[in-house]
N, C-alpha and C. Protein backbone atom coordinates (compact mmCIF):
# COMPACT_ATOMS: atom_id res chain seq x y z
N MET A 1 40.11 116.76 -244.85
CA MET A 1 38.76 116.21 -244.95
C MET A 1 38.72 114.92 -244.13
N ASP A 2 37.74 114.80 -243.24
CA ASP A 2 37.65 113.59 -242.43
C ASP A 2 37.07 112.43 -243.25
N LEU A 3 37.12 111.24 -242.68
CA LEU A 3 36.68 110.04 -243.41
C LEU A 3 35.21 110.09 -243.81
N ILE A 4 34.37 110.59 -242.92
CA ILE A 4 32.93 110.65 -243.23
C ILE A 4 32.68 111.64 -244.37
N SER A 5 33.31 112.80 -244.31
CA SER A 5 33.15 113.78 -245.38
C SER A 5 33.64 113.22 -246.71
N MET A 6 34.75 112.49 -246.66
CA MET A 6 35.29 111.88 -247.87
C MET A 6 34.32 110.82 -248.42
N LEU A 7 33.73 110.03 -247.51
CA LEU A 7 32.75 109.01 -247.94
C LEU A 7 31.54 109.68 -248.58
N TYR A 8 31.04 110.76 -247.95
CA TYR A 8 29.91 111.49 -248.52
C TYR A 8 30.26 112.01 -249.91
N SER A 9 31.43 112.60 -250.06
CA SER A 9 31.85 113.16 -251.34
C SER A 9 31.97 112.07 -252.41
N GLN A 10 32.61 110.97 -252.06
CA GLN A 10 32.77 109.87 -253.02
C GLN A 10 31.42 109.27 -253.39
N THR A 11 30.52 109.17 -252.41
CA THR A 11 29.18 108.63 -252.68
C THR A 11 28.41 109.57 -253.59
N GLN A 12 28.48 110.87 -253.35
CA GLN A 12 27.80 111.83 -254.22
C GLN A 12 28.32 111.74 -255.65
N THR A 13 29.62 111.55 -255.80
CA THR A 13 30.20 111.39 -257.14
C THR A 13 29.62 110.16 -257.81
N LYS A 14 29.53 109.05 -257.09
CA LYS A 14 28.97 107.81 -257.66
C LYS A 14 27.50 108.00 -258.01
N LEU A 15 26.74 108.68 -257.16
CA LEU A 15 25.32 108.92 -257.45
C LEU A 15 25.17 109.75 -258.73
N ALA A 16 26.02 110.75 -258.90
CA ALA A 16 25.98 111.56 -260.12
C ALA A 16 26.35 110.72 -261.34
N GLN A 17 27.31 109.81 -261.17
CA GLN A 17 27.69 108.93 -262.28
C GLN A 17 26.55 107.98 -262.63
N ILE A 18 25.85 107.47 -261.62
CA ILE A 18 24.70 106.59 -261.87
C ILE A 18 23.64 107.36 -262.66
N ALA A 19 23.32 108.57 -262.23
CA ALA A 19 22.33 109.39 -262.94
C ALA A 19 22.77 109.63 -264.38
N HIS A 20 24.04 109.96 -264.57
CA HIS A 20 24.57 110.20 -265.92
C HIS A 20 24.44 108.94 -266.78
N GLU A 21 24.79 107.79 -266.24
CA GLU A 21 24.72 106.54 -267.02
C GLU A 21 23.27 106.19 -267.34
N LEU A 22 22.36 106.43 -266.41
CA LEU A 22 20.93 106.19 -266.69
C LEU A 22 20.47 107.09 -267.84
N GLN A 23 20.87 108.35 -267.81
CA GLN A 23 20.49 109.29 -268.86
C GLN A 23 21.11 108.88 -270.19
N SER A 24 22.38 108.53 -270.17
CA SER A 24 23.08 108.14 -271.40
C SER A 24 22.45 106.91 -272.04
N ALA A 25 21.94 106.02 -271.21
CA ALA A 25 21.33 104.78 -271.70
C ALA A 25 19.86 104.97 -272.09
N GLY A 26 19.34 106.19 -271.90
CA GLY A 26 17.94 106.44 -272.22
C GLY A 26 16.98 105.87 -271.20
N LEU A 27 17.47 105.63 -269.98
CA LEU A 27 16.64 105.03 -268.93
C LEU A 27 16.13 106.05 -267.92
N TRP A 28 16.51 107.32 -268.09
CA TRP A 28 16.08 108.38 -267.18
C TRP A 28 14.65 108.75 -267.54
N SER A 29 13.78 108.77 -266.57
CA SER A 29 12.36 109.01 -266.81
C SER A 29 11.97 110.44 -266.46
N THR A 30 11.04 110.99 -267.22
CA THR A 30 10.53 112.32 -266.91
C THR A 30 9.28 112.24 -266.04
N ARG A 31 8.73 111.04 -265.89
CA ARG A 31 7.53 110.84 -265.08
C ARG A 31 7.84 109.95 -263.89
N ALA A 32 7.44 110.40 -262.73
CA ALA A 32 7.64 109.61 -261.52
C ALA A 32 6.68 108.42 -261.52
N PRO A 33 7.09 107.32 -260.91
CA PRO A 33 6.18 106.18 -260.77
C PRO A 33 4.97 106.57 -259.91
N SER A 34 3.95 105.74 -259.94
CA SER A 34 2.73 106.00 -259.16
C SER A 34 3.05 106.01 -257.67
N ASP A 35 2.13 106.58 -256.89
CA ASP A 35 2.28 106.58 -255.43
C ASP A 35 2.37 105.15 -254.91
N GLU A 36 1.58 104.26 -255.52
CA GLU A 36 1.60 102.85 -255.12
C GLU A 36 2.99 102.25 -255.35
N ALA A 37 3.57 102.53 -256.50
CA ALA A 37 4.91 102.01 -256.80
C ALA A 37 5.94 102.58 -255.83
N MET A 38 5.82 103.86 -255.52
CA MET A 38 6.77 104.51 -254.61
C MET A 38 6.66 103.94 -253.19
N ALA A 39 5.51 103.39 -252.85
CA ALA A 39 5.30 102.83 -251.52
C ALA A 39 5.64 101.34 -251.44
N SER A 40 6.08 100.76 -252.53
CA SER A 40 6.39 99.34 -252.56
C SER A 40 7.40 98.98 -251.48
N THR A 41 7.18 97.83 -250.87
CA THR A 41 8.13 97.34 -249.86
C THR A 41 8.96 96.18 -250.39
N ALA A 42 8.75 95.81 -251.64
CA ALA A 42 9.55 94.73 -252.24
C ALA A 42 10.98 95.22 -252.45
N PRO A 43 11.95 94.31 -252.39
CA PRO A 43 13.33 94.72 -252.67
C PRO A 43 13.42 95.39 -254.04
N PHE A 44 14.06 96.53 -254.10
CA PHE A 44 14.21 97.32 -255.33
C PHE A 44 12.86 97.71 -255.93
N ALA A 45 11.78 97.61 -255.15
CA ALA A 45 10.42 97.89 -255.63
C ALA A 45 10.15 97.14 -256.93
N CYS A 46 10.75 95.96 -257.04
CA CYS A 46 10.73 95.21 -258.31
C CYS A 46 9.35 94.74 -258.72
N ASP A 47 8.40 94.79 -257.78
CA ASP A 47 7.05 94.38 -258.13
C ASP A 47 6.30 95.45 -258.91
N LEU A 48 6.72 96.71 -258.77
CA LEU A 48 5.94 97.79 -259.38
C LEU A 48 6.74 98.79 -260.21
N MET A 49 8.07 98.64 -260.26
CA MET A 49 8.85 99.56 -261.10
C MET A 49 10.12 98.88 -261.58
N SER A 50 10.71 99.46 -262.60
CA SER A 50 11.95 98.93 -263.14
C SER A 50 13.11 99.29 -262.20
N LEU A 51 14.22 98.59 -262.36
CA LEU A 51 15.40 98.91 -261.57
C LEU A 51 15.86 100.34 -261.85
N ALA A 52 15.80 100.76 -263.10
CA ALA A 52 16.19 102.14 -263.44
C ALA A 52 15.32 103.15 -262.70
N GLN A 53 14.01 102.90 -262.64
CA GLN A 53 13.12 103.80 -261.91
C GLN A 53 13.45 103.81 -260.43
N TRP A 54 13.73 102.63 -259.87
CA TRP A 54 14.08 102.54 -258.45
C TRP A 54 15.33 103.36 -258.16
N LEU A 55 16.34 103.21 -259.03
CA LEU A 55 17.57 103.98 -258.84
C LEU A 55 17.28 105.48 -258.89
N GLN A 56 16.51 105.92 -259.88
CA GLN A 56 16.25 107.34 -260.08
C GLN A 56 15.35 107.94 -259.01
N PHE A 57 14.27 107.26 -258.67
CA PHE A 57 13.24 107.86 -257.83
C PHE A 57 13.30 107.47 -256.36
N ILE A 58 14.00 106.39 -256.04
CA ILE A 58 14.08 105.97 -254.64
C ILE A 58 15.52 106.00 -254.14
N PHE A 59 16.41 105.26 -254.78
CA PHE A 59 17.76 105.11 -254.26
C PHE A 59 18.55 106.43 -254.25
N ILE A 60 18.67 107.07 -255.39
CA ILE A 60 19.48 108.30 -255.46
C ILE A 60 18.92 109.37 -254.50
N PRO A 61 17.61 109.66 -254.51
CA PRO A 61 17.11 110.68 -253.57
C PRO A 61 17.30 110.30 -252.10
N ARG A 62 17.12 109.03 -251.75
CA ARG A 62 17.29 108.63 -250.35
C ARG A 62 18.74 108.74 -249.92
N MET A 63 19.65 108.33 -250.78
CA MET A 63 21.07 108.45 -250.45
C MET A 63 21.46 109.92 -250.32
N GLN A 64 20.96 110.76 -251.22
CA GLN A 64 21.27 112.19 -251.14
C GLN A 64 20.70 112.78 -249.86
N ALA A 65 19.50 112.36 -249.46
CA ALA A 65 18.89 112.86 -248.23
C ALA A 65 19.73 112.47 -247.01
N LEU A 66 20.27 111.25 -247.00
CA LEU A 66 21.14 110.83 -245.90
C LEU A 66 22.38 111.71 -245.84
N ILE A 67 22.97 111.97 -246.99
CA ILE A 67 24.17 112.81 -247.05
C ILE A 67 23.84 114.23 -246.57
N ASP A 68 22.75 114.79 -247.09
CA ASP A 68 22.37 116.16 -246.74
C ASP A 68 22.11 116.31 -245.24
N ALA A 69 21.56 115.25 -244.63
CA ALA A 69 21.24 115.29 -243.20
C ALA A 69 22.41 114.85 -242.32
N GLY A 70 23.52 114.47 -242.94
CA GLY A 70 24.67 114.01 -242.18
C GLY A 70 24.43 112.69 -241.47
N GLN A 71 23.54 111.88 -242.04
CA GLN A 71 23.19 110.59 -241.44
C GLN A 71 24.14 109.50 -241.93
N PRO A 72 24.24 108.40 -241.19
CA PRO A 72 25.09 107.29 -241.63
C PRO A 72 24.59 106.70 -242.94
N LEU A 73 25.53 106.33 -243.78
CA LEU A 73 25.20 105.67 -245.05
C LEU A 73 25.16 104.17 -244.83
N PRO A 74 24.42 103.44 -245.68
CA PRO A 74 24.38 101.98 -245.53
C PRO A 74 25.79 101.39 -245.58
N SER A 75 26.00 100.35 -244.80
CA SER A 75 27.32 99.71 -244.78
C SER A 75 27.28 98.31 -245.38
N LYS A 76 26.11 97.87 -245.74
CA LYS A 76 25.94 96.59 -246.44
C LYS A 76 25.00 96.85 -247.60
N ILE A 77 25.54 96.80 -248.79
CA ILE A 77 24.74 97.15 -249.97
C ILE A 77 25.14 96.23 -251.11
N ALA A 78 24.19 95.84 -251.92
CA ALA A 78 24.46 94.94 -253.05
C ALA A 78 23.48 95.24 -254.18
N ILE A 79 23.74 96.34 -254.88
CA ILE A 79 22.89 96.72 -256.00
C ILE A 79 23.42 96.12 -257.30
N ALA A 80 24.73 96.05 -257.44
CA ALA A 80 25.33 95.55 -258.69
C ALA A 80 24.85 94.14 -259.06
N PRO A 81 24.73 93.20 -258.10
CA PRO A 81 24.24 91.87 -258.50
C PRO A 81 22.84 91.91 -259.11
N MET A 82 21.98 92.77 -258.58
CA MET A 82 20.63 92.91 -259.15
C MET A 82 20.72 93.50 -260.55
N ALA A 83 21.57 94.52 -260.71
CA ALA A 83 21.74 95.14 -262.03
C ALA A 83 22.29 94.13 -263.03
N GLU A 84 23.25 93.32 -262.61
CA GLU A 84 23.80 92.29 -263.50
C GLU A 84 22.71 91.30 -263.90
N HIS A 85 21.84 90.95 -262.97
CA HIS A 85 20.75 90.02 -263.26
C HIS A 85 19.76 90.63 -264.26
N VAL A 86 19.38 91.87 -264.00
CA VAL A 86 18.36 92.54 -264.83
C VAL A 86 18.90 92.90 -266.21
N TRP A 87 20.14 93.37 -266.26
CA TRP A 87 20.68 93.93 -267.50
C TRP A 87 21.79 93.08 -268.11
N SER A 88 21.86 91.80 -267.78
CA SER A 88 22.97 90.95 -268.23
C SER A 88 23.10 90.87 -269.75
N GLU A 89 22.01 91.00 -270.47
CA GLU A 89 22.03 90.87 -271.93
C GLU A 89 22.23 92.21 -272.64
N GLN A 90 22.43 93.28 -271.88
CA GLN A 90 22.50 94.62 -272.48
C GLN A 90 23.91 95.20 -272.28
N ALA A 91 24.77 94.96 -273.25
CA ALA A 91 26.17 95.40 -273.16
C ALA A 91 26.29 96.91 -272.96
N ALA A 92 25.35 97.67 -273.49
CA ALA A 92 25.41 99.13 -273.35
C ALA A 92 25.30 99.58 -271.90
N LEU A 93 24.80 98.70 -271.03
CA LEU A 93 24.63 99.07 -269.63
C LEU A 93 25.80 98.62 -268.75
N THR A 94 26.83 98.06 -269.37
CA THR A 94 28.01 97.63 -268.62
C THR A 94 28.62 98.78 -267.81
N PRO A 95 28.75 100.00 -268.37
CA PRO A 95 29.30 101.10 -267.56
C PRO A 95 28.44 101.41 -266.32
N LEU A 96 27.13 101.35 -266.46
CA LEU A 96 26.23 101.59 -265.33
C LEU A 96 26.44 100.52 -264.26
N ILE A 97 26.49 99.27 -264.68
CA ILE A 97 26.72 98.18 -263.74
C ILE A 97 28.07 98.37 -263.04
N GLY A 98 29.07 98.83 -263.79
CA GLY A 98 30.38 99.09 -263.20
C GLY A 98 30.34 100.14 -262.11
N VAL A 99 29.61 101.23 -262.34
CA VAL A 99 29.49 102.28 -261.32
C VAL A 99 28.74 101.75 -260.10
N LEU A 100 27.70 100.96 -260.32
CA LEU A 100 26.97 100.38 -259.20
C LEU A 100 27.88 99.46 -258.38
N ASN A 101 28.72 98.70 -259.07
CA ASN A 101 29.67 97.83 -258.37
C ASN A 101 30.66 98.66 -257.55
N GLU A 102 31.14 99.76 -258.12
CA GLU A 102 32.05 100.65 -257.40
C GLU A 102 31.38 101.22 -256.15
N LEU A 103 30.10 101.60 -256.27
CA LEU A 103 29.38 102.13 -255.11
C LEU A 103 29.21 101.04 -254.05
N ASP A 104 28.85 99.84 -254.48
CA ASP A 104 28.74 98.72 -253.54
C ASP A 104 30.05 98.55 -252.76
N MET A 105 31.16 98.52 -253.48
CA MET A 105 32.46 98.32 -252.83
C MET A 105 32.79 99.48 -251.89
N LEU A 106 32.51 100.71 -252.30
CA LEU A 106 32.78 101.88 -251.47
C LEU A 106 32.01 101.79 -250.15
N LEU A 107 30.72 101.49 -250.23
CA LEU A 107 29.90 101.50 -249.02
C LEU A 107 30.11 100.25 -248.16
N ASN A 108 30.59 99.18 -248.75
CA ASN A 108 30.84 97.95 -247.98
C ASN A 108 32.20 97.92 -247.31
N GLU A 109 33.06 98.91 -247.61
CA GLU A 109 34.37 98.96 -246.96
C GLU A 109 34.19 99.18 -245.46
N PRO A 110 35.02 98.50 -244.66
CA PRO A 110 34.94 98.73 -243.20
C PRO A 110 35.20 100.20 -242.87
N ARG A 111 34.44 100.71 -241.90
CA ARG A 111 34.60 102.12 -241.50
C ARG A 111 35.07 102.20 -240.08
């Protein structure tokens, strides 16, 4: 397996873990945010949706689309610091923050 294929595989595993942790924490939504929220240009769409919604409806699908299309993945990413800021008082979300940190480290590694 070449390095890019391995990166795609490891990233897909992390995305699945993020989805699982969101579901386990009761943060997985059955309703998509509004069209306006989905079009937000604010970082993490923080003006119109929660971080959990952004992860579920924007980040995970966009990352999966990049993988499916064989496109380059981001090489500078910092989601864990935002998650730590938003969820710092919620110990139950520590595993989710941990997976986000692992994804940050994976994608920030020199390629």
